[in-house]
Amino acid sequence: MKKPLLLAALAAALLSACGCQQSANPPAAVPVIRPRIIESLPHDPAAFTQGLLIDGDYWLESTGRYGHSELREVERQTGRVVRSVPLAPALFGEGLALLDGRLYQLTWRERVCIVYDRATMRETARFAYHGEGWGLTNDDRQLYMSDGSAAIRVINPADFSEIRRFTVTGPDGPEHSLNELEWIEGEIWANIFNSSRIVRFDPDTGKVLGYVDLGYLPLDEHAHPQQDVLNGIAYDHNNREIWVTGKNWKALYRIEWPPKPTAP
């Protein structure tokens, strides 16, 4: 036997003996995209954004911090707060979702979801859940909830019971620190807490489909001394627009999607 063949045979025997297997298909890299800014609109720098969505001509926003948390209805073009509902000082507002005329607002460590009638902005119910509440979105049937880990819970909106849960997993393993969520054309997008990235994943399997790098936000002209991390993704279904912002940011940004290919 020639020497290279002998070495290959010995390596195979060693792998077999230790129960190891060589991977024929190593994990494939997923795309990281850096879209350009198309447009910006004003955002209240006092808003510690925790949940964000679009409903016609309005932003619906959940803001956080104890003693300052609110549910807000905001004019999209001007940033003017039209209506607001303050939370009790002991509640810290988190993710927000609109489904079948009802708004669902999570709280951080208080383990309660507050339900409002969208038309009147009046509270109609409260549901309890285990663990922390971070982000919330829906697929027109079910709610999807994050808790700061790599897990996503699928929730029954009728009683907030857990239907199932799955782990968001990329090439390097579970993707932790999932925060604000948005359903976008069959995918879920999630802010990765304390980073400038958004992760896109399959809501059936949890498989990571790609990342959106927004490390260049906010622009210098919108900088604010107390601004916090990127947090807030909103999808305009009517116009197929994606908007992003952050906690205490002075602007919301519409990003190009899908991005145009760059020249080699």
C-alpha atoms as a PDB file:
ATOM      1  CA  MET A   1       0.000   0.000   0.000  1.00  0.00           C
ATOM      2  CA  LYS A   2       1.307   3.462  -0.850  1.00  0.00           C
ATOM      3  CA  LYS A   3       2.116   5.703   2.112  1.00  0.00           C
ATOM      4  CA  PRO A   4      -0.757   8.280   1.603  1.00  0.00           C
ATOM      5  CA  LEU A   5      -3.278   5.455   1.396  1.00  0.00           C
ATOM      6  CA  LEU A   6      -1.813   3.839   4.516  1.00  0.00           C
ATOM      7  CA  LEU A   7      -2.108   7.112   6.461  1.00  0.00           C
ATOM      8  CA  ALA A   8      -5.704   7.592   5.321  1.00  0.00           C
ATOM      9  CA  ALA A   9      -6.562   4.055   6.389  1.00  0.00           C
ATOM     10  CA  LEU A  10      -4.958   4.568   9.796  1.00  0.00           C
ATOM     11  CA  ALA A  11      -6.861   7.864  10.297  1.00  0.00           C
ATOM     12  CA  ALA A  12     -10.152   6.218   9.386  1.00  0.00           C
ATOM     13  CA  ALA A  13      -9.432   3.377  11.814  1.00  0.00           C
ATOM     14  CA  LEU A  14      -8.671   5.819  14.631  1.00  0.00           C
ATOM     15  CA  LEU A  15     -11.882   7.772  13.993  1.00  0.00           C
ATOM     16  CA  SER A  16     -13.860   4.554  13.999  1.00  0.00           C
ATOM     17  CA  ALA A  17     -12.231   3.374  17.219  1.00  0.00           C
ATOM     18  CA  CYS A  18     -13.040   6.580  19.122  1.00  0.00           C
ATOM     19  CA  GLY A  19     -16.574   6.796  17.754  1.00  0.00           C
ATOM     20  CA  CYS A  20     -15.803  10.048  15.914  1.00  0.00           C
ATOM     21  CA  GLN A  21     -17.061  10.917  12.466  1.00  0.00           C
ATOM     22  CA  GLN A  22     -15.798  13.412   9.966  1.00  0.00           C
ATOM     23  CA  SER A  23     -18.417  15.906   8.807  1.00  0.00           C
ATOM     24  CA  ALA A  24     -18.917  15.716   5.077  1.00  0.00           C
ATOM     25  CA  ASN A  25     -20.948  18.962   5.181  1.00  0.00           C
ATOM     26  CA  PRO A  26     -19.492  21.557   7.574  1.00  0.00           C
ATOM     27  CA  PRO A  27     -21.878  24.356   8.634  1.00  0.00           C
ATOM     28  CA  ALA A  28     -22.443  26.798   5.794  1.00  0.00           C
ATOM     29  CA  ALA A  29     -21.983  30.506   6.403  1.00  0.00           C
ATOM     30  CA  VAL A  30     -25.122  32.656   6.296  1.00  0.00           C
ATOM     31  CA  PRO A  31     -25.251  36.040   4.551  1.00  0.00           C
ATOM     32  CA  VAL A  32     -24.518  39.259   6.421  1.00  0.00           C
ATOM     33  CA  ILE A  33     -26.097  42.237   4.652  1.00  0.00           C
ATOM     34  CA  ARG A  34     -25.512  45.948   5.243  1.00  0.00           C
ATOM     35  CA  PRO A  35     -28.439  47.797   3.630  1.00  0.00           C
ATOM     36  CA  ARG A  36     -28.381  51.515   2.938  1.00  0.00           C
ATOM     37  CA  ILE A  37     -30.740  54.064   4.487  1.00  0.00           C
ATOM     38  CA  ILE A  38     -33.600  55.214   2.253  1.00  0.00           C
ATOM     39  CA  GLU A  39     -35.420  57.634   4.547  1.00  0.00           C
ATOM     40  CA  SER A  40     -35.596  58.849   8.139  1.00  0.00           C
ATOM     41  CA  LEU A  41     -38.428  60.153  10.321  1.00  0.00           C
ATOM     42  CA  PRO A  42     -38.413  61.807  13.762  1.00  0.00           C
ATOM     43  CA  HIS A  43     -38.529  59.694  16.903  1.00  0.00           C
ATOM     44  CA  ASP A  44     -38.973  60.888  20.483  1.00  0.00           C
ATOM     45  CA  PRO A  45     -35.551  60.601  22.189  1.00  0.00           C
ATOM     46  CA  ALA A  46     -37.370  60.159  25.509  1.00  0.00           C
ATOM     47  CA  ALA A  47     -38.862  56.889  24.240  1.00  0.00           C
ATOM     48  CA  PHE A  48     -36.965  53.863  25.562  1.00  0.00           C
ATOM     49  CA  THR A  49     -38.211  51.699  22.681  1.00  0.00           C
ATOM     50  CA  GLN A  50     -39.033  48.106  23.583  1.00  0.00           C
ATOM     51  CA  GLY A  51     -41.684  47.195  21.012  1.00  0.00           C
ATOM     52  CA  LEU A  52     -42.547  48.839  17.691  1.00  0.00           C
ATOM     53  CA  LEU A  53     -45.025  48.218  14.896  1.00  0.00           C
ATOM     54  CA  ILE A  54     -46.872  50.028  12.117  1.00  0.00           C
ATOM     55  CA  ASP A  55     -50.632  50.372  11.896  1.00  0.00           C
ATOM     56  CA  GLY A  56     -51.599  52.542   8.931  1.00  0.00           C
ATOM     57  CA  ASP A  57     -50.435  56.113   9.519  1.00  0.00           C
ATOM     58  CA  TYR A  58     -49.292  55.380  13.073  1.00  0.00           C
ATOM     59  CA  TRP A  59     -46.440  53.841  14.968  1.00  0.00           C
ATOM     60  CA  LEU A  60     -47.569  51.749  17.908  1.00  0.00           C
ATOM     61  CA  GLU A  61     -44.790  51.696  20.463  1.00  0.00           C
ATOM     62  CA  SER A  62     -44.127  50.110  23.838  1.00  0.00           C
ATOM     63  CA  THR A  63     -41.592  51.982  25.943  1.00  0.00           C
ATOM     64  CA  GLY A  64     -39.705  50.742  28.970  1.00  0.00           C
ATOM     65  CA  ARG A  65     -38.102  51.745  32.263  1.00  0.00           C
ATOM     66  CA  TYR A  66     -39.829  51.657  35.612  1.00  0.00           C
ATOM     67  CA  GLY A  67     -41.978  54.718  36.157  1.00  0.00           C
ATOM     68  CA  HIS A  68     -41.768  55.698  32.471  1.00  0.00           C
ATOM     69  CA  SER A  69     -43.263  52.742  30.568  1.00  0.00           C
ATOM     70  CA  GLU A  70     -46.111  53.473  28.166  1.00  0.00           C
ATOM     71  CA  LEU A  71     -48.163  52.204  25.270  1.00  0.00           C
ATOM     72  CA  ARG A  72     -48.111  54.892  22.585  1.00  0.00           C
ATOM     73  CA  GLU A  73     -49.878  55.744  19.346  1.00  0.00           C
ATOM     74  CA  VAL A  74     -47.638  58.085  17.337  1.00  0.00           C
ATOM     75  CA  GLU A  75     -48.067  59.910  14.025  1.00  0.00           C
ATOM     76  CA  ARG A  76     -45.581  58.374  11.630  1.00  0.00           C
ATOM     77  CA  GLN A  77     -44.628  61.501   9.705  1.00  0.00           C
ATOM     78  CA  THR A  78     -44.322  63.945  12.615  1.00  0.00           C
ATOM     79  CA  GLY A  79     -43.461  61.759  15.620  1.00  0.00           C
ATOM     80  CA  ARG A  80     -46.270  63.411  17.598  1.00  0.00           C
ATOM     81  CA  VAL A  81     -47.737  61.232  20.359  1.00  0.00           C
ATOM     82  CA  VAL A  82     -51.491  61.060  19.696  1.00  0.00           C
ATOM     83  CA  ARG A  83     -52.468  58.819  22.613  1.00  0.00           C
ATOM     84  CA  SER A  84     -50.530  57.191  25.414  1.00  0.00           C
ATOM     85  CA  VAL A  85     -51.388  54.764  28.200  1.00  0.00           C
ATOM     86  CA  PRO A  86     -48.958  54.800  31.151  1.00  0.00           C
ATOM     87  CA  LEU A  87     -48.110  51.552  32.892  1.00  0.00           C
ATOM     88  CA  ALA A  88     -48.057  51.293  36.668  1.00  0.00           C
ATOM     89  CA  PRO A  89     -44.656  52.349  38.096  1.00  0.00           C
ATOM     90  CA  ALA A  90     -43.922  48.739  39.086  1.00  0.00           C
ATOM     91  CA  LEU A  91     -44.244  47.535  35.456  1.00  0.00           C
ATOM     92  CA  PHE A  92     -41.492  47.691  32.827  1.00  0.00           C
ATOM     93  CA  GLY A  93     -42.927  47.711  29.288  1.00  0.00           C
ATOM     94  CA  GLU A  94     -41.483  45.332  26.691  1.00  0.00           C
ATOM     95  CA  GLY A  95     -42.520  43.731  23.360  1.00  0.00           C
ATOM     96  CA  LEU A  96     -45.719  44.650  21.508  1.00  0.00           C
ATOM     97  CA  ALA A  97     -47.922  42.887  18.942  1.00  0.00           C
ATOM     98  CA  LEU A  98     -51.221  43.668  17.191  1.00  0.00           C
ATOM     99  CA  LEU A  99     -53.497  40.746  16.359  1.00  0.00           C
ATOM    100  CA  ASP A 100     -57.237  40.702  15.555  1.00  0.00           C
ATOM    101  CA  GLY A 101     -57.828  44.200  16.896  1.00  0.00           C
ATOM    102  CA  ARG A 102     -56.015  43.546  20.167  1.00  0.00           C
ATOM    103  CA  LEU A 103     -52.669  44.882  21.355  1.00  0.00           C
ATOM    104  CA  TYR A 104     -50.509  42.585  23.474  1.00  0.00           C
ATOM    105  CA  GLN A 105     -47.840  44.294  25.601  1.00  0.00           C
ATOM    106  CA  LEU A 106     -45.261  42.282  27.529  1.00  0.00           C
ATOM    107  CA  THR A 107     -43.586  43.307  30.759  1.00  0.00           C
ATOM    108  CA  TRP A 108     -39.984  42.505  31.563  1.00  0.00           C
ATOM    109  CA  ARG A 109     -39.783  40.732  34.939  1.00  0.00           C
ATOM    110  CA  GLU A 110     -43.369  41.139  36.110  1.00  0.00           C
ATOM    111  CA  ARG A 111     -44.552  38.108  34.116  1.00  0.00           C
ATOM    112  CA  VAL A 112     -47.730  39.735  32.862  1.00  0.00           C
ATOM    113  CA  CYS A 113     -49.006  40.492  29.372  1.00  0.00           C
ATOM    114  CA  ILE A 114     -51.464  43.396  29.174  1.00  0.00           C
ATOM    115  CA  VAL A 115     -54.111  43.235  26.440  1.00  0.00           C
ATOM    116  CA  TYR A 116     -55.743  46.367  25.011  1.00  0.00           C
ATOM    117  CA  ASP A 117     -58.512  47.088  22.554  1.00  0.00           C
ATOM    118  CA  ARG A 118     -56.739  48.703  19.607  1.00  0.00           C
ATOM    119  CA  ALA A 119     -59.533  51.158  18.823  1.00  0.00           C
ATOM    120  CA  THR A 120     -59.965  52.536  22.334  1.00  0.00           C
ATOM    121  CA  MET A 121     -56.506  51.757  23.799  1.00  0.00           C
ATOM    122  CA  ARG A 122     -58.314  50.488  26.901  1.00  0.00           C
ATOM    123  CA  GLU A 123     -57.067  47.467  28.826  1.00  0.00           C
ATOM    124  CA  THR A 124     -59.287  44.406  28.379  1.00  0.00           C
ATOM    125  CA  ALA A 125     -57.322  41.525  29.944  1.00  0.00           C
ATOM    126  CA  ARG A 126     -54.102  40.357  31.557  1.00  0.00           C
ATOM    127  CA  PHE A 127     -52.301  37.062  31.128  1.00  0.00           C
ATOM    128  CA  ALA A 128     -49.546  35.542  33.248  1.00  0.00           C
ATOM    129  CA  TYR A 129     -46.482  33.758  31.866  1.00  0.00           C
ATOM    130  CA  HIS A 130     -43.256  32.260  33.220  1.00  0.00           C
ATOM    131  CA  GLY A 131     -39.874  33.918  32.944  1.00  0.00           C
ATOM    132  CA  GLU A 132     -39.039  37.267  31.394  1.00  0.00           C
ATOM    133  CA  GLY A 133     -40.818  39.035  28.548  1.00  0.00           C
ATOM    134  CA  TRP A 134     -38.688  40.674  25.827  1.00  0.00           C
ATOM    135  CA  GLY A 135     -39.983  40.713  22.234  1.00  0.00           C
ATOM    136  CA  LEU A 136     -43.341  39.854  20.656  1.00  0.00           C
ATOM    137  CA  THR A 137     -44.699  39.422  17.123  1.00  0.00           C
ATOM    138  CA  ASN A 138     -47.313  37.349  15.269  1.00  0.00           C
ATOM    139  CA  ASP A 139     -48.092  35.559  12.013  1.00  0.00           C
ATOM    140  CA  ASP A 140     -51.803  36.556  11.969  1.00  0.00           C
ATOM    141  CA  ARG A 141     -52.621  33.398  13.967  1.00  0.00           C
ATOM    142  CA  GLN A 142     -50.134  32.892  16.801  1.00  0.00           C
ATOM    143  CA  LEU A 143     -47.831  35.031  18.892  1.00  0.00           C
ATOM    144  CA  TYR A 144     -44.045  34.555  19.010  1.00  0.00           C
ATOM    145  CA  MET A 145     -42.232  35.650  22.158  1.00  0.00           C
ATOM    146  CA  SER A 146     -38.570  36.073  23.115  1.00  0.00           C
ATOM    147  CA  ASP A 147     -37.156  36.115  26.644  1.00  0.00           C
ATOM    148  CA  GLY A 148     -33.539  37.189  26.121  1.00  0.00           C
ATOM    149  CA  SER A 149     -32.261  33.674  25.483  1.00  0.00           C
ATOM    150  CA  ALA A 150     -32.011  31.727  22.203  1.00  0.00           C
ATOM    151  CA  ALA A 151     -35.534  30.350  22.700  1.00  0.00           C
ATOM    152  CA  ILE A 152     -38.712  31.498  20.983  1.00  0.00           C
ATOM    153  CA  ARG A 153     -42.072  30.574  22.473  1.00  0.00           C
ATOM    154  CA  VAL A 154     -45.131  30.131  20.259  1.00  0.00           C
ATOM    155  CA  ILE A 155     -48.133  31.464  22.177  1.00  0.00           C
ATOM    156  CA  ASN A 156     -51.891  30.990  21.897  1.00  0.00           C
ATOM    157  CA  PRO A 157     -53.332  34.539  21.847  1.00  0.00           C
ATOM    158  CA  ALA A 158     -56.635  33.399  23.397  1.00  0.00           C
ATOM    159  CA  ASP A 159     -55.114  32.575  26.792  1.00  0.00           C
ATOM    160  CA  PHE A 160     -51.355  33.121  26.375  1.00  0.00           C
ATOM    161  CA  SER A 161     -50.609  29.448  26.870  1.00  0.00           C
ATOM    162  CA  GLU A 162     -47.427  28.076  25.305  1.00  0.00           C
ATOM    163  CA  ILE A 163     -47.998  25.915  22.220  1.00  0.00           C
ATOM    164  CA  ARG A 164     -44.366  25.024  21.597  1.00  0.00           C
ATOM    165  CA  ARG A 165     -40.900  26.524  21.669  1.00  0.00           C
ATOM    166  CA  PHE A 166     -37.800  26.311  19.508  1.00  0.00           C
ATOM    167  CA  THR A 167     -34.172  27.456  19.564  1.00  0.00           C
ATOM    168  CA  VAL A 168     -32.772  29.941  17.057  1.00  0.00           C
ATOM    169  CA  THR A 169     -29.592  28.339  15.764  1.00  0.00           C
ATOM    170  CA  GLY A 170     -26.905  29.611  13.402  1.00  0.00           C
ATOM    171  CA  PRO A 171     -23.691  28.121  12.038  1.00  0.00           C
ATOM    172  CA  ASP A 172     -21.941  28.603  15.401  1.00  0.00           C
ATOM    173  CA  GLY A 173     -24.778  27.331  17.579  1.00  0.00           C
ATOM    174  CA  PRO A 174     -27.711  28.944  19.438  1.00  0.00           C
ATOM    175  CA  GLU A 175     -28.185  32.693  18.906  1.00  0.00           C
ATOM    176  CA  HIS A 176     -28.689  34.168  22.371  1.00  0.00           C
ATOM    177  CA  SER A 177     -29.965  37.583  23.549  1.00  0.00           C
ATOM    178  CA  LEU A 178     -32.931  37.722  21.168  1.00  0.00           C
ATOM    179  CA  ASN A 179     -34.891  40.884  21.842  1.00  0.00           C
ATOM    180  CA  GLU A 180     -37.495  42.842  19.826  1.00  0.00           C
ATOM    181  CA  LEU A 181     -39.205  40.735  17.134  1.00  0.00           C
ATOM    182  CA  GLU A 182     -40.946  41.411  13.809  1.00  0.00           C
ATOM    183  CA  TRP A 183     -42.642  39.069  11.339  1.00  0.00           C
ATOM    184  CA  ILE A 184     -41.459  39.954   7.815  1.00  0.00           C
ATOM    185  CA  GLU A 185     -42.719  37.985   4.818  1.00  0.00           C
ATOM    186  CA  GLY A 186     -42.536  34.545   6.399  1.00  0.00           C
ATOM    187  CA  GLU A 187     -39.400  35.215   8.466  1.00  0.00           C
ATOM    188  CA  ILE A 188     -38.895  36.537  11.966  1.00  0.00           C
ATOM    189  CA  TRP A 189     -36.354  39.299  12.484  1.00  0.00           C
ATOM    190  CA  ALA A 190     -34.894  39.853  15.958  1.00  0.00           C
ATOM    191  CA  ASN A 191     -32.650  42.485  17.444  1.00  0.00           C
ATOM    192  CA  ILE A 192     -29.662  40.872  19.141  1.00  0.00           C
ATOM    193  CA  PHE A 193     -29.410  42.732  22.443  1.00  0.00           C
ATOM    194  CA  ASN A 194     -26.354  44.951  22.904  1.00  0.00           C
ATOM    195  CA  SER A 195     -25.311  44.540  19.288  1.00  0.00           C
ATOM    196  CA  SER A 196     -25.808  46.320  15.986  1.00  0.00           C
ATOM    197  CA  ARG A 197     -27.118  43.198  14.279  1.00  0.00           C
ATOM    198  CA  ILE A 198     -30.525  41.808  13.458  1.00  0.00           C
ATOM    199  CA  VAL A 199     -30.868  38.060  12.964  1.00  0.00           C
ATOM    200  CA  ARG A 200     -33.348  36.623  10.442  1.00  0.00           C
ATOM    201  CA  PHE A 201     -34.646  33.126  11.138  1.00  0.00           C
ATOM    202  CA  ASP A 202     -37.165  30.509  10.039  1.00  0.00           C
ATOM    203  CA  PRO A 203     -40.173  30.474  12.437  1.00  0.00           C
ATOM    204  CA  ASP A 204     -40.753  26.757  11.867  1.00  0.00           C
ATOM    205  CA  THR A 205     -37.244  25.452  12.479  1.00  0.00           C
ATOM    206  CA  GLY A 206     -35.363  28.292  14.174  1.00  0.00           C
ATOM    207  CA  LYS A 207     -32.638  28.072  11.515  1.00  0.00           C
ATOM    208  CA  VAL A 208     -30.776  31.347  11.006  1.00  0.00           C
ATOM    209  CA  LEU A 209     -31.267  32.664   7.463  1.00  0.00           C
ATOM    210  CA  GLY A 210     -28.959  35.661   7.682  1.00  0.00           C
ATOM    211  CA  TYR A 211     -27.942  38.799   9.543  1.00  0.00           C
ATOM    212  CA  VAL A 212     -28.561  42.485   8.914  1.00  0.00           C
ATOM    213  CA  ASP A 213     -25.620  44.641  10.017  1.00  0.00           C
ATOM    214  CA  LEU A 214     -26.696  48.114  11.144  1.00  0.00           C
ATOM    215  CA  GLY A 215     -23.444  49.115  12.775  1.00  0.00           C
ATOM    216  CA  TYR A 216     -23.470  52.466  10.995  1.00  0.00           C
ATOM    217  CA  LEU A 217     -26.652  53.592  12.828  1.00  0.00           C
ATOM    218  CA  PRO A 218     -27.513  56.087  14.181  1.00  0.00           C
ATOM    219  CA  LEU A 219     -26.128  58.713  11.854  1.00  0.00           C
ATOM    220  CA  ASP A 220     -24.006  61.403  13.486  1.00  0.00           C
ATOM    221  CA  GLU A 221     -26.567  64.158  12.917  1.00  0.00           C
ATOM    222  CA  HIS A 222     -29.083  62.214  14.995  1.00  0.00           C
ATOM    223  CA  ALA A 223     -26.759  61.334  17.877  1.00  0.00           C
ATOM    224  CA  HIS A 224     -28.154  61.810  21.383  1.00  0.00           C
ATOM    225  CA  PRO A 225     -26.151  61.770  24.641  1.00  0.00           C
ATOM    226  CA  GLN A 226     -28.392  59.227  26.347  1.00  0.00           C
ATOM    227  CA  GLN A 227     -29.114  57.022  23.341  1.00  0.00           C
ATOM    228  CA  ASP A 228     -29.089  53.308  23.973  1.00  0.00           C
ATOM    229  CA  VAL A 229     -28.869  50.195  21.817  1.00  0.00           C
ATOM    230  CA  LEU A 230     -30.540  49.362  18.539  1.00  0.00           C
ATOM    231  CA  ASN A 231     -34.037  48.091  19.362  1.00  0.00           C
ATOM    232  CA  GLY A 232     -37.167  48.355  17.260  1.00  0.00           C
ATOM    233  CA  ILE A 233     -38.130  46.761  13.936  1.00  0.00           C
ATOM    234  CA  ALA A 234     -41.368  47.631  12.137  1.00  0.00           C
ATOM    235  CA  TYR A 235     -42.670  46.284   8.826  1.00  0.00           C
ATOM    236  CA  ASP A 236     -45.110  48.217   6.640  1.00  0.00           C
ATOM    237  CA  HIS A 237     -47.081  45.439   4.918  1.00  0.00           C
ATOM    238  CA  ASN A 238     -48.825  47.832   2.528  1.00  0.00           C
ATOM    239  CA  ASN A 239     -45.639  49.360   1.138  1.00  0.00           C
ATOM    240  CA  ARG A 240     -43.206  46.526   1.965  1.00  0.00           C
ATOM    241  CA  GLU A 241     -40.984  48.871   3.953  1.00  0.00           C
ATOM    242  CA  ILE A 242     -38.723  47.980   6.875  1.00  0.00           C
ATOM    243  CA  TRP A 243     -38.036  50.560   9.581  1.00  0.00           C
ATOM    244  CA  VAL A 244     -35.608  50.380  12.505  1.00  0.00           C
ATOM    245  CA  THR A 245     -34.765  52.514  15.514  1.00  0.00           C
ATOM    246  CA  GLY A 246     -33.210  52.287  18.973  1.00  0.00           C
ATOM    247  CA  LYS A 247     -33.838  53.124  22.596  1.00  0.00           C
ATOM    248  CA  ASN A 248     -33.825  56.923  23.021  1.00  0.00           C
ATOM    249  CA  TRP A 249     -32.914  57.467  19.367  1.00  0.00           C
ATOM    250  CA  LYS A 250     -33.963  60.701  17.658  1.00  0.00           C
ATOM    251  CA  ALA A 251     -34.878  59.036  14.362  1.00  0.00           C
ATOM    252  CA  LEU A 252     -36.404  55.983  12.727  1.00  0.00           C
ATOM    253  CA  TYR A 253     -34.735  54.720   9.550  1.00  0.00           C
ATOM    254  CA  ARG A 254     -36.185  52.972   6.541  1.00  0.00           C
ATOM    255  CA  ILE A 255     -33.619  50.530   5.229  1.00  0.00           C
ATOM    256  CA  GLU A 256     -33.373  49.288   1.671  1.00  0.00           C
ATOM    257  CA  TRP A 257     -34.854  45.801   1.322  1.00  0.00           C
ATOM    258  CA  PRO A 258     -33.937  43.705  -0.463  1.00  0.00           C
ATOM    259  CA  PRO A 259     -30.552  45.405  -0.838  1.00  0.00           C
ATOM    260  CA  LYS A 260     -29.232  45.984  -4.327  1.00  0.00           C
ATOM    261  CA  PRO A 261     -26.201  43.837  -5.167  1.00  0.00           C
ATOM    262  CA  THR A 262     -22.889  45.643  -4.936  1.00  0.00           C
ATOM    263  CA  ALA A 263     -20.336  45.629  -7.706  1.00  0.00           C
ATOM    264  CA  PRO A 264     -17.458  43.182  -7.220  1.00  0.00           C
END
